[in-house]
C-alpha atoms as a PDB file:
ATOM      1  CA  UNK A   1      -8.450  19.608  57.571  1.00  0.00           C
ATOM      2  CA  UNK A   2      -6.729  19.686  54.174  1.00  0.00           C
ATOM      3  CA  UNK A   3      -6.389  15.894  54.106  1.00  0.00           C
ATOM      4  CA  UNK A   4     -10.097  15.518  54.878  1.00  0.00           C
ATOM      5  CA  UNK A   5     -11.024  17.904  52.049  1.00  0.00           C
ATOM      6  CA  UNK A   6      -8.813  16.040  49.564  1.00  0.00           C
ATOM      7  CA  UNK A   7     -10.229  12.674  50.635  1.00  0.00           C
ATOM      8  CA  UNK A   8     -13.782  13.994  50.328  1.00  0.00           C
ATOM      9  CA  UNK A   9     -13.093  15.419  46.875  1.00  0.00           C
ATOM     10  CA  UNK A  10     -11.588  12.138  45.675  1.00  0.00           C
ATOM     11  CA  UNK A  11     -14.539  10.148  47.048  1.00  0.00           C
ATOM     12  CA  UNK A  12     -17.007  12.568  45.508  1.00  0.00           C
ATOM     13  CA  UNK A  13     -15.292  12.362  42.136  1.00  0.00           C
ATOM     14  CA  UNK A  14     -15.300   8.555  42.322  1.00  0.00           C
ATOM     15  CA  UNK A  15     -19.036   8.480  43.141  1.00  0.00           C
ATOM     16  CA  UNK A  16     -19.756  10.903  40.285  1.00  0.00           C
ATOM     17  CA  UNK A  17     -17.832   8.801  37.771  1.00  0.00           C
ATOM     18  CA  UNK A  18     -19.532   5.643  39.014  1.00  0.00           C
ATOM     19  CA  UNK A  19     -22.991   7.209  38.624  1.00  0.00           C
ATOM     20  CA  UNK A  20     -22.051   8.613  35.213  1.00  0.00           C
ATOM     21  CA  UNK A  21     -20.951   5.155  34.074  1.00  0.00           C
ATOM     22  CA  UNK A  22     -24.297   3.669  35.113  1.00  0.00           C
ATOM     23  CA  UNK A  23     -26.301   6.163  33.051  1.00  0.00           C
ATOM     24  CA  UNK A  24     -27.040   4.667  29.596  1.00  0.00           C
ATOM     25  CA  UNK A  25     -25.580   6.820  26.848  1.00  0.00           C
ATOM     26  CA  UNK A  26     -26.850   7.216  23.312  1.00  0.00           C
ATOM     27  CA  UNK A  27     -24.510   5.553  20.825  1.00  0.00           C
ATOM     28  CA  UNK A  28     -23.882   7.553  17.683  1.00  0.00           C
ATOM     29  CA  UNK A  29     -24.563   6.156  14.234  1.00  0.00           C
ATOM     30  CA  UNK A  30     -20.858   6.202  13.363  1.00  0.00           C
ATOM     31  CA  UNK A  31     -20.037   4.022  16.371  1.00  0.00           C
ATOM     32  CA  UNK A  32     -22.827   1.578  15.514  1.00  0.00           C
ATOM     33  CA  UNK A  33     -21.684   1.280  11.902  1.00  0.00           C
ATOM     34  CA  UNK A  34     -18.066   0.873  13.043  1.00  0.00           C
ATOM     35  CA  UNK A  35     -19.064  -1.860  15.503  1.00  0.00           C
ATOM     36  CA  UNK A  36     -21.033  -3.649  12.792  1.00  0.00           C
ATOM     37  CA  UNK A  37     -18.138  -3.352  10.356  1.00  0.00           C
ATOM     38  CA  UNK A  38     -15.686  -4.618  12.984  1.00  0.00           C
ATOM     39  CA  UNK A  39     -17.740  -7.805  13.335  1.00  0.00           C
ATOM     40  CA  UNK A  40     -17.349  -8.683   9.668  1.00  0.00           C
ATOM     41  CA  UNK A  41     -14.421 -10.781   8.413  1.00  0.00           C
ATOM     42  CA  UNK A  42     -11.284  -8.798   7.634  1.00  0.00           C
ATOM     43  CA  UNK A  43     -11.078 -10.122   4.068  1.00  0.00           C
ATOM     44  CA  UNK A  44     -14.625  -8.981   3.331  1.00  0.00           C
ATOM     45  CA  UNK A  45     -13.999  -5.504   4.763  1.00  0.00           C
ATOM     46  CA  UNK A  46     -10.774  -5.115   2.776  1.00  0.00           C
ATOM     47  CA  UNK A  47     -12.421  -6.225  -0.452  1.00  0.00           C
ATOM     48  CA  UNK A  48      -9.726  -8.817  -1.135  1.00  0.00           C
ATOM     49  CA  UNK A  49      -9.614 -12.572  -1.350  1.00  0.00           C
ATOM     50  CA  UNK A  50      -9.497 -14.371   2.004  1.00  0.00           C
ATOM     51  CA  UNK A  51      -6.337 -16.116   3.098  1.00  0.00           C
ATOM     52  CA  UNK A  52      -3.912 -13.569   1.643  1.00  0.00           C
ATOM     53  CA  UNK A  53      -2.735 -12.015   4.910  1.00  0.00           C
ATOM     54  CA  UNK A  54      -0.800 -14.247   7.278  1.00  0.00           C
ATOM     55  CA  UNK A  55      -1.039 -12.584  10.689  1.00  0.00           C
ATOM     56  CA  UNK A  56      -1.157 -13.610  14.303  1.00  0.00           C
ATOM     57  CA  UNK A  57      -4.147 -13.316  16.607  1.00  0.00           C
ATOM     58  CA  UNK A  58      -2.633 -10.357  18.450  1.00  0.00           C
ATOM     59  CA  UNK A  59      -1.892  -8.386  15.279  1.00  0.00           C
ATOM     60  CA  UNK A  60      -5.378  -9.182  13.978  1.00  0.00           C
ATOM     61  CA  UNK A  61      -6.923  -7.952  17.226  1.00  0.00           C
ATOM     62  CA  UNK A  62      -4.748  -4.834  17.234  1.00  0.00           C
ATOM     63  CA  UNK A  63      -5.531  -4.057  13.606  1.00  0.00           C
ATOM     64  CA  UNK A  64      -9.248  -4.523  14.162  1.00  0.00           C
ATOM     65  CA  UNK A  65      -9.189  -2.183  17.162  1.00  0.00           C
ATOM     66  CA  UNK A  66      -7.248   0.474  15.230  1.00  0.00           C
ATOM     67  CA  UNK A  67      -9.549   0.184  12.209  1.00  0.00           C
ATOM     68  CA  UNK A  68     -12.577   0.525  14.481  1.00  0.00           C
ATOM     69  CA  UNK A  69     -11.085   3.639  16.060  1.00  0.00           C
ATOM     70  CA  UNK A  70     -10.447   5.168  12.619  1.00  0.00           C
ATOM     71  CA  UNK A  71     -14.008   4.387  11.554  1.00  0.00           C
ATOM     72  CA  UNK A  72     -15.394   6.015  14.675  1.00  0.00           C
ATOM     73  CA  UNK A  73     -13.384   9.142  13.966  1.00  0.00           C
ATOM     74  CA  UNK A  74     -14.628   9.260  10.377  1.00  0.00           C
ATOM     75  CA  UNK A  75     -11.212   8.720   8.804  1.00  0.00           C
ATOM     76  CA  UNK A  76     -11.763   6.897   5.503  1.00  0.00           C
ATOM     77  CA  UNK A  77      -8.253   6.749   3.932  1.00  0.00           C
ATOM     78  CA  UNK A  78      -9.648   6.109   0.452  1.00  0.00           C
ATOM     79  CA  UNK A  79      -6.318   6.404  -1.350  1.00  0.00           C
ATOM     80  CA  UNK A  80      -4.620   4.139   1.162  1.00  0.00           C
ATOM     81  CA  UNK A  81      -7.387   1.552   0.957  1.00  0.00           C
ATOM     82  CA  UNK A  82      -7.174   1.495  -2.842  1.00  0.00           C
ATOM     83  CA  UNK A  83      -3.423   0.936  -2.645  1.00  0.00           C
ATOM     84  CA  UNK A  84      -3.876  -1.852  -0.102  1.00  0.00           C
ATOM     85  CA  UNK A  85      -6.556  -3.481  -2.252  1.00  0.00           C
ATOM     86  CA  UNK A  86      -4.143  -3.379  -5.176  1.00  0.00           C
ATOM     87  CA  UNK A  87      -1.511  -5.367  -3.261  1.00  0.00           C
ATOM     88  CA  UNK A  88      -4.103  -7.676  -1.623  1.00  0.00           C
ATOM     89  CA  UNK A  89      -3.410  -6.502   1.925  1.00  0.00           C
ATOM     90  CA  UNK A  90      -6.020  -5.690   4.537  1.00  0.00           C
ATOM     91  CA  UNK A  91      -6.318  -2.290   6.161  1.00  0.00           C
ATOM     92  CA  UNK A  92      -6.209  -3.885   9.616  1.00  0.00           C
ATOM     93  CA  UNK A  93      -2.962  -5.731   8.929  1.00  0.00           C
ATOM     94  CA  UNK A  94      -1.391  -2.527   7.625  1.00  0.00           C
ATOM     95  CA  UNK A  95      -2.293  -0.537  10.745  1.00  0.00           C
ATOM     96  CA  UNK A  96      -1.100  -3.313  13.045  1.00  0.00           C
ATOM     97  CA  UNK A  97       2.226  -3.593  11.213  1.00  0.00           C
ATOM     98  CA  UNK A  98       2.861   0.160  11.507  1.00  0.00           C
ATOM     99  CA  UNK A  99       2.163   0.215  15.240  1.00  0.00           C
ATOM    100  CA  UNK A 100       4.191  -2.937  15.940  1.00  0.00           C
ATOM    101  CA  UNK A 101       7.137  -1.634  13.925  1.00  0.00           C
ATOM    102  CA  UNK A 102       7.045   1.632  15.887  1.00  0.00           C
ATOM    103  CA  UNK A 103       7.003  -0.291  19.178  1.00  0.00           C
ATOM    104  CA  UNK A 104       9.960  -2.362  17.977  1.00  0.00           C
ATOM    105  CA  UNK A 105      11.934   0.777  17.208  1.00  0.00           C
ATOM    106  CA  UNK A 106      11.017   2.271  20.576  1.00  0.00           C
ATOM    107  CA  UNK A 107      12.105  -0.866  22.455  1.00  0.00           C
ATOM    108  CA  UNK A 108      15.489  -0.684  20.780  1.00  0.00           C
ATOM    109  CA  UNK A 109      16.456   2.190  23.126  1.00  0.00           C
ATOM    110  CA  UNK A 110      16.698   0.152  26.389  1.00  0.00           C
ATOM    111  CA  UNK A 111      18.450  -2.652  24.507  1.00  0.00           C
ATOM    112  CA  UNK A 112      21.001  -0.137  23.211  1.00  0.00           C
ATOM    113  CA  UNK A 113      21.447   1.356  26.676  1.00  0.00           C
ATOM    114  CA  UNK A 114      22.008  -2.091  28.215  1.00  0.00           C
ATOM    115  CA  UNK A 115      24.522  -3.065  25.501  1.00  0.00           C
ATOM    116  CA  UNK A 116      26.514   0.150  25.893  1.00  0.00           C
ATOM    117  CA  UNK A 117      26.491  -0.105  29.677  1.00  0.00           C
ATOM    118  CA  UNK A 118      27.646  -3.720  29.518  1.00  0.00           C
ATOM    119  CA  UNK A 119      30.506  -2.734  27.196  1.00  0.00           C
ATOM    120  CA  UNK A 120      31.692  -0.098  29.658  1.00  0.00           C
ATOM    121  CA  UNK A 121      30.437   3.021  27.863  1.00  0.00           C
ATOM    122  CA  UNK A 122      28.202   5.098  30.100  1.00  0.00           C
ATOM    123  CA  UNK A 123      25.754   7.461  28.444  1.00  0.00           C
ATOM    124  CA  UNK A 124      23.086   9.764  29.767  1.00  0.00           C
ATOM    125  CA  UNK A 125      19.528   8.507  29.758  1.00  0.00           C
ATOM    126  CA  UNK A 126      18.414  11.088  27.220  1.00  0.00           C
ATOM    127  CA  UNK A 127      20.532   9.638  24.372  1.00  0.00           C
ATOM    128  CA  UNK A 128      18.804   6.215  24.222  1.00  0.00           C
ATOM    129  CA  UNK A 129      15.423   7.892  24.649  1.00  0.00           C
ATOM    130  CA  UNK A 130      15.937  10.140  21.641  1.00  0.00           C
ATOM    131  CA  UNK A 131      17.394   7.223  19.696  1.00  0.00           C
ATOM    132  CA  UNK A 132      14.322   5.158  20.462  1.00  0.00           C
ATOM    133  CA  UNK A 133      11.974   7.958  19.381  1.00  0.00           C
ATOM    134  CA  UNK A 134      13.832   8.470  16.113  1.00  0.00           C
ATOM    135  CA  UNK A 135      13.903   4.737  15.393  1.00  0.00           C
ATOM    136  CA  UNK A 136      10.207   4.469  16.259  1.00  0.00           C
ATOM    137  CA  UNK A 137       9.424   7.201  13.725  1.00  0.00           C
ATOM    138  CA  UNK A 138      11.615   5.551  11.074  1.00  0.00           C
ATOM    139  CA  UNK A 139      10.165   2.073  11.673  1.00  0.00           C
ATOM    140  CA  UNK A 140       6.658   3.558  11.625  1.00  0.00           C
ATOM    141  CA  UNK A 141       7.260   4.777   8.065  1.00  0.00           C
ATOM    142  CA  UNK A 142       8.819   1.538   6.782  1.00  0.00           C
ATOM    143  CA  UNK A 143       5.439  -0.087   5.892  1.00  0.00           C
ATOM    144  CA  UNK A 144       4.602   3.025   3.839  1.00  0.00           C
ATOM    145  CA  UNK A 145       7.803   2.672   1.815  1.00  0.00           C
ATOM    146  CA  UNK A 146       7.194  -1.030   1.268  1.00  0.00           C
ATOM    147  CA  UNK A 147       3.595  -0.381   0.243  1.00  0.00           C
ATOM    148  CA  UNK A 148       4.654   2.329  -2.210  1.00  0.00           C
ATOM    149  CA  UNK A 149       7.176   0.040  -3.880  1.00  0.00           C
ATOM    150  CA  UNK A 150       4.671  -2.806  -4.188  1.00  0.00           C
ATOM    151  CA  UNK A 151       1.962  -0.505  -5.529  1.00  0.00           C
ATOM    152  CA  UNK A 152       4.282   0.929  -8.190  1.00  0.00           C
ATOM    153  CA  UNK A 153       5.310  -2.581  -9.236  1.00  0.00           C
ATOM    154  CA  UNK A 154       1.686  -3.749  -9.379  1.00  0.00           C
ATOM    155  CA  UNK A 155       0.621  -0.749 -11.456  1.00  0.00           C
ATOM    156  CA  UNK A 156       3.536  -1.303 -13.812  1.00  0.00           C
ATOM    157  CA  UNK A 157       2.506  -4.956 -14.220  1.00  0.00           C
ATOM    158  CA  UNK A 158      -1.090  -3.884 -14.753  1.00  0.00           C
ATOM    159  CA  UNK A 159      -0.097  -1.499 -17.559  1.00  0.00           C
ATOM    160  CA  UNK A 160       1.834  -4.331 -19.190  1.00  0.00           C
ATOM    161  CA  UNK A 161      -1.225  -6.586 -18.932  1.00  0.00           C
ATOM    162  CA  UNK A 162      -3.474  -3.902 -20.436  1.00  0.00           C
ATOM    163  CA  UNK A 163      -1.372  -3.892 -23.611  1.00  0.00           C
ATOM    164  CA  UNK A 164      -1.818  -7.651 -24.045  1.00  0.00           C
ATOM    165  CA  UNK A 165      -5.505  -7.337 -23.138  1.00  0.00           C
ATOM    166  CA  UNK A 166      -6.067  -4.750 -25.877  1.00  0.00           C
ATOM    167  CA  UNK A 167      -4.458  -7.006 -28.489  1.00  0.00           C
ATOM    168  CA  UNK A 168      -6.693  -9.883 -27.422  1.00  0.00           C
ATOM    169  CA  UNK A 169      -9.791  -7.683 -27.606  1.00  0.00           C
ATOM    170  CA  UNK A 170      -8.824  -6.476 -31.086  1.00  0.00           C
ATOM    171  CA  UNK A 171      -8.404 -10.072 -32.287  1.00  0.00           C
ATOM    172  CA  UNK A 172     -11.811 -11.020 -30.875  1.00  0.00           C
ATOM    173  CA  UNK A 173     -13.371  -8.017 -32.614  1.00  0.00           C
ATOM    174  CA  UNK A 174     -11.782  -9.130 -35.883  1.00  0.00           C
ATOM    175  CA  UNK A 175     -13.549 -12.479 -35.414  1.00  0.00           C
ATOM    176  CA  UNK A 176     -16.948 -10.784 -35.500  1.00  0.00           C
ATOM    177  CA  UNK A 177     -17.738 -10.527 -31.787  1.00  0.00           C
ATOM    178  CA  UNK A 178     -19.310  -7.504 -30.187  1.00  0.00           C
ATOM    179  CA  UNK A 179     -17.465  -5.236 -27.810  1.00  0.00           C
ATOM    180  CA  UNK A 180     -18.867  -6.692 -24.528  1.00  0.00           C
ATOM    181  CA  UNK A 181     -18.299 -10.281 -25.685  1.00  0.00           C
ATOM    182  CA  UNK A 182     -14.807  -9.457 -26.948  1.00  0.00           C
ATOM    183  CA  UNK A 183     -13.848  -7.836 -23.642  1.00  0.00           C
ATOM    184  CA  UNK A 184     -15.052 -10.786 -21.578  1.00  0.00           C
ATOM    185  CA  UNK A 185     -13.494 -13.381 -23.904  1.00  0.00           C
ATOM    186  CA  UNK A 186     -10.138 -11.568 -23.843  1.00  0.00           C
ATOM    187  CA  UNK A 187     -10.156 -11.438 -20.043  1.00  0.00           C
ATOM    188  CA  UNK A 188     -10.850 -15.176 -19.878  1.00  0.00           C
ATOM    189  CA  UNK A 189      -7.899 -15.973 -22.153  1.00  0.00           C
ATOM    190  CA  UNK A 190      -5.285 -14.121 -20.136  1.00  0.00           C
ATOM    191  CA  UNK A 191      -3.823 -15.266 -16.840  1.00  0.00           C
ATOM    192  CA  UNK A 192      -2.401 -13.422 -13.880  1.00  0.00           C
ATOM    193  CA  UNK A 193      -3.799 -11.214 -11.166  1.00  0.00           C
ATOM    194  CA  UNK A 194      -4.354  -8.254 -13.540  1.00  0.00           C
ATOM    195  CA  UNK A 195      -6.532 -10.302 -15.877  1.00  0.00           C
ATOM    196  CA  UNK A 196      -8.298 -11.719 -12.851  1.00  0.00           C
ATOM    197  CA  UNK A 197      -9.217  -8.207 -11.714  1.00  0.00           C
ATOM    198  CA  UNK A 198     -10.436  -7.241 -15.184  1.00  0.00           C
ATOM    199  CA  UNK A 199     -12.455 -10.442 -15.525  1.00  0.00           C
ATOM    200  CA  UNK A 200     -13.996  -9.944 -12.085  1.00  0.00           C
ATOM    201  CA  UNK A 201     -14.984  -6.357 -12.962  1.00  0.00           C
ATOM    202  CA  UNK A 202     -16.591  -7.432 -16.259  1.00  0.00           C
ATOM    203  CA  UNK A 203     -18.512 -10.308 -14.649  1.00  0.00           C
ATOM    204  CA  UNK A 204     -19.785  -8.054 -11.881  1.00  0.00           C
ATOM    205  CA  UNK A 205     -20.852  -5.495 -14.477  1.00  0.00           C
ATOM    206  CA  UNK A 206     -22.914  -8.123 -16.291  1.00  0.00           C
ATOM    207  CA  UNK A 207     -24.595  -9.123 -13.019  1.00  0.00           C
ATOM    208  CA  UNK A 208     -25.326  -5.562 -11.879  1.00  0.00           C
ATOM    209  CA  UNK A 209     -26.440  -4.342 -15.313  1.00  0.00           C
ATOM    210  CA  UNK A 210     -23.606  -1.876 -15.929  1.00  0.00           C
ATOM    211  CA  UNK A 211     -21.746  -1.565 -19.193  1.00  0.00           C
ATOM    212  CA  UNK A 212     -18.284  -3.141 -19.460  1.00  0.00           C
ATOM    213  CA  UNK A 213     -16.585   0.239 -20.006  1.00  0.00           C
ATOM    214  CA  UNK A 214     -18.216   1.569 -16.860  1.00  0.00           C
ATOM    215  CA  UNK A 215     -16.785  -1.405 -14.955  1.00  0.00           C
ATOM    216  CA  UNK A 216     -13.336  -0.841 -16.460  1.00  0.00           C
ATOM    217  CA  UNK A 217     -13.519   2.851 -15.592  1.00  0.00           C
ATOM    218  CA  UNK A 218     -14.478   2.036 -11.997  1.00  0.00           C
ATOM    219  CA  UNK A 219     -11.587  -0.439 -11.791  1.00  0.00           C
ATOM    220  CA  UNK A 220      -9.224   2.211 -13.141  1.00  0.00           C
ATOM    221  CA  UNK A 221     -10.451   4.657 -10.502  1.00  0.00           C
ATOM    222  CA  UNK A 222      -9.991   2.048  -7.789  1.00  0.00           C
ATOM    223  CA  UNK A 223      -6.435   1.070  -8.645  1.00  0.00           C
ATOM    224  CA  UNK A 224      -5.540   4.536 -10.067  1.00  0.00           C
ATOM    225  CA  UNK A 225      -4.340   3.405 -13.492  1.00  0.00           C
ATOM    226  CA  UNK A 226      -4.867   6.162 -16.061  1.00  0.00           C
ATOM    227  CA  UNK A 227      -4.571   3.830 -19.060  1.00  0.00           C
ATOM    228  CA  UNK A 228      -7.578   1.817 -17.927  1.00  0.00           C
ATOM    229  CA  UNK A 229      -9.665   4.939 -17.364  1.00  0.00           C
ATOM    230  CA  UNK A 230      -8.726   6.253 -20.805  1.00  0.00           C
ATOM    231  CA  UNK A 231      -9.668   2.900 -22.313  1.00  0.00           C
ATOM    232  CA  UNK A 232     -13.079   3.024 -20.639  1.00  0.00           C
ATOM    233  CA  UNK A 233     -13.670   6.558 -21.918  1.00  0.00           C
ATOM    234  CA  UNK A 234     -12.667   5.577 -25.464  1.00  0.00           C
ATOM    235  CA  UNK A 235     -14.921   2.498 -25.435  1.00  0.00           C
ATOM    236  CA  UNK A 236     -17.884   4.542 -24.252  1.00  0.00           C
ATOM    237  CA  UNK A 237     -17.451   6.869 -27.249  1.00  0.00           C
ATOM    238  CA  UNK A 238     -16.919   4.370 -30.093  1.00  0.00           C
ATOM    239  CA  UNK A 239     -18.657   1.252 -28.768  1.00  0.00           C
ATOM    240  CA  UNK A 240     -21.158   1.190 -31.622  1.00  0.00           C
ATOM    241  CA  UNK A 241     -18.597   1.032 -34.432  1.00  0.00           C
ATOM    242  CA  UNK A 242     -16.585  -2.187 -34.405  1.00  0.00           C
ATOM    243  CA  UNK A 243     -13.989  -1.056 -36.950  1.00  0.00           C
ATOM    244  CA  UNK A 244     -13.182   2.132 -35.062  1.00  0.00           C
ATOM    245  CA  UNK A 245     -12.939   0.219 -31.805  1.00  0.00           C
ATOM    246  CA  UNK A 246     -10.533  -2.302 -33.320  1.00  0.00           C
ATOM    247  CA  UNK A 247      -8.304   0.391 -34.781  1.00  0.00           C
ATOM    248  CA  UNK A 248      -8.374   2.401 -31.570  1.00  0.00           C
ATOM    249  CA  UNK A 249      -7.456  -0.610 -29.435  1.00  0.00           C
ATOM    250  CA  UNK A 250      -4.600  -1.608 -31.731  1.00  0.00           C
ATOM    251  CA  UNK A 251      -3.239   1.942 -31.643  1.00  0.00           C
ATOM    252  CA  UNK A 252      -3.498   2.095 -27.861  1.00  0.00           C
ATOM    253  CA  UNK A 253      -1.752  -1.261 -27.478  1.00  0.00           C
ATOM    254  CA  UNK A 254       1.135  -0.094 -29.673  1.00  0.00           C
ATOM    255  CA  UNK A 255       1.353   3.171 -27.732  1.00  0.00           C
ATOM    256  CA  UNK A 256       1.468   1.303 -24.410  1.00  0.00           C
ATOM    257  CA  UNK A 257       4.240  -0.957 -25.682  1.00  0.00           C
ATOM    258  CA  UNK A 258       6.288   2.026 -26.840  1.00  0.00           C
ATOM    259  CA  UNK A 259       5.834   3.746 -23.499  1.00  0.00           C
ATOM    260  CA  UNK A 260       6.798   0.583 -21.642  1.00  0.00           C
ATOM    261  CA  UNK A 261       9.885   0.194 -23.831  1.00  0.00           C
ATOM    262  CA  UNK A 262      10.874   3.803 -23.141  1.00  0.00           C
ATOM    263  CA  UNK A 263      10.427   3.264 -19.391  1.00  0.00           C
ATOM    264  CA  UNK A 264      12.550   0.123 -19.511  1.00  0.00           C
ATOM    265  CA  UNK A 265      15.281   1.939 -21.411  1.00  0.00           C
ATOM    266  CA  UNK A 266      15.196   4.770 -18.862  1.00  0.00           C
ATOM    267  CA  UNK A 267      15.488   2.320 -15.964  1.00  0.00           C
ATOM    268  CA  UNK A 268      18.362   0.550 -17.704  1.00  0.00           C
ATOM    269  CA  UNK A 269      20.135   3.885 -18.154  1.00  0.00           C
ATOM    270  CA  UNK A 270      19.678   4.768 -14.471  1.00  0.00           C
ATOM    271  CA  UNK A 271      21.076   1.408 -13.385  1.00  0.00           C
ATOM    272  CA  UNK A 272      24.041   1.815 -15.741  1.00  0.00           C
ATOM    273  CA  UNK A 273      24.794   5.213 -14.224  1.00  0.00           C
ATOM    274  CA  UNK A 274      24.549   3.820 -10.683  1.00  0.00           C
ATOM    275  CA  UNK A 275      26.902   0.968 -11.600  1.00  0.00           C
ATOM    276  CA  UNK A 276      29.338   3.486 -13.094  1.00  0.00           C
ATOM    277  CA  UNK A 277      29.322   5.540  -9.889  1.00  0.00           C
ATOM    278  CA  UNK A 278      29.897   2.398  -7.810  1.00  0.00           C
ATOM    279  CA  UNK A 279      32.828   1.390  -9.996  1.00  0.00           C
ATOM    280  CA  UNK A 280      34.374   4.865  -9.689  1.00  0.00           C
ATOM    281  CA  UNK A 281      34.085   4.712  -5.901  1.00  0.00           C
ATOM    282  CA  UNK A 282      35.741   1.292  -5.843  1.00  0.00           C
ATOM    283  CA  UNK A 283      38.580   2.534  -8.062  1.00  0.00           C
ATOM    284  CA  UNK A 284      39.061   5.594  -5.856  1.00  0.00           C
ATOM    285  CA  UNK A 285      39.188   3.451  -2.702  1.00  0.00           C
ATOM    286  CA  UNK A 286      41.702   1.085  -4.336  1.00  0.00           C
ATOM    287  CA  UNK A 287      43.933   4.017  -5.352  1.00  0.00           C
ATOM    288  CA  UNK A 288      43.840   5.384  -1.808  1.00  0.00           C
ATOM    289  CA  UNK A 289      44.766   1.921  -0.535  1.00  0.00           C
ATOM    290  CA  UNK A 290      47.796   1.848  -2.858  1.00  0.00           C
ATOM    291  CA  UNK A 291      48.968   5.433  -2.225  1.00  0.00           C
ATOM    292  CA  UNK A 292      48.497   5.506   1.548  1.00  0.00           C
ATOM    293  CA  UNK A 293      51.708   3.544   2.504  1.00  0.00           C
ATOM    294  CA  UNK A 294      53.916   5.711   0.287  1.00  0.00           C
ATOM    295  CA  UNK A 295      52.364   8.944   1.598  1.00  0.00           C
ATOM    296  CA  UNK A 296      52.808   7.736   5.172  1.00  0.00           C
ATOM    297  CA  UNK A 297      56.521   6.981   4.619  1.00  0.00           C
ATOM    298  CA  UNK A 298      57.111  10.299   2.899  1.00  0.00           C
ATOM    299  CA  UNK A 299      55.440  12.319   5.663  1.00  0.00           C
ATOM    300  CA  UNK A 300      57.209  10.298   8.366  1.00  0.00           C
ATOM    301  CA  UNK A 301      54.075   9.169  10.238  1.00  0.00           C
END
């Protein structure tokens, strides 16, 4: 009797799920927008130039599925997307790399268990499991550390480029050009990815009808560089007076160079201290290596 009741309940549940699957459901607007966004090219969705991310078909499919799931849940990750746009990496590739790295760390557990068993050391099953979970968590965070280092380096390079850009703008203003023309001409003279971003922002501002300082301010908000946002605010205040703009830009360029020089001196001091600590450790190890035989003979070991 009990077996018949269980079989009937299972069959009834299967028929209910089958009928529920046949009923057309209303798709929410978030799912429709996410499906439409998933059909666009990854480079267009990320806002970066195509061909920058070298990834396999599986990682591309996995990243697209994860990005679609995040869009359906309403998770925007604005700060993360701005950082990824700064290093020219797609959001899909980033998600796929995090998941694949976590899987790699998790798969290390059975490999470790097999290696230890083959060497003759028998461990309980719980030790490789916990090792795999810890390694999965560590490997899952490795893309975040790499992204943070790249973003800091890119922002440092961008600040260096802003100093040169300000000098070029000041020289163009001295030649009698207006502020918008001087900004665009200075961006066309410079090379590098930072100047490319500035030139792209200024050209898009001319097409859309925005002022150049509004475009620079939006670019500073996107890549989170305070110097560019301050420059946009200063240009919006003194854009009508060419002499004040030239003096302000020259002063800002000198201030940026002094700050960059101070940062470089601080980094050089930190590296000198780290080298000093390493040398002290090497000297200590060498002294222990020299004293150990004498101490062993004296103690009769």
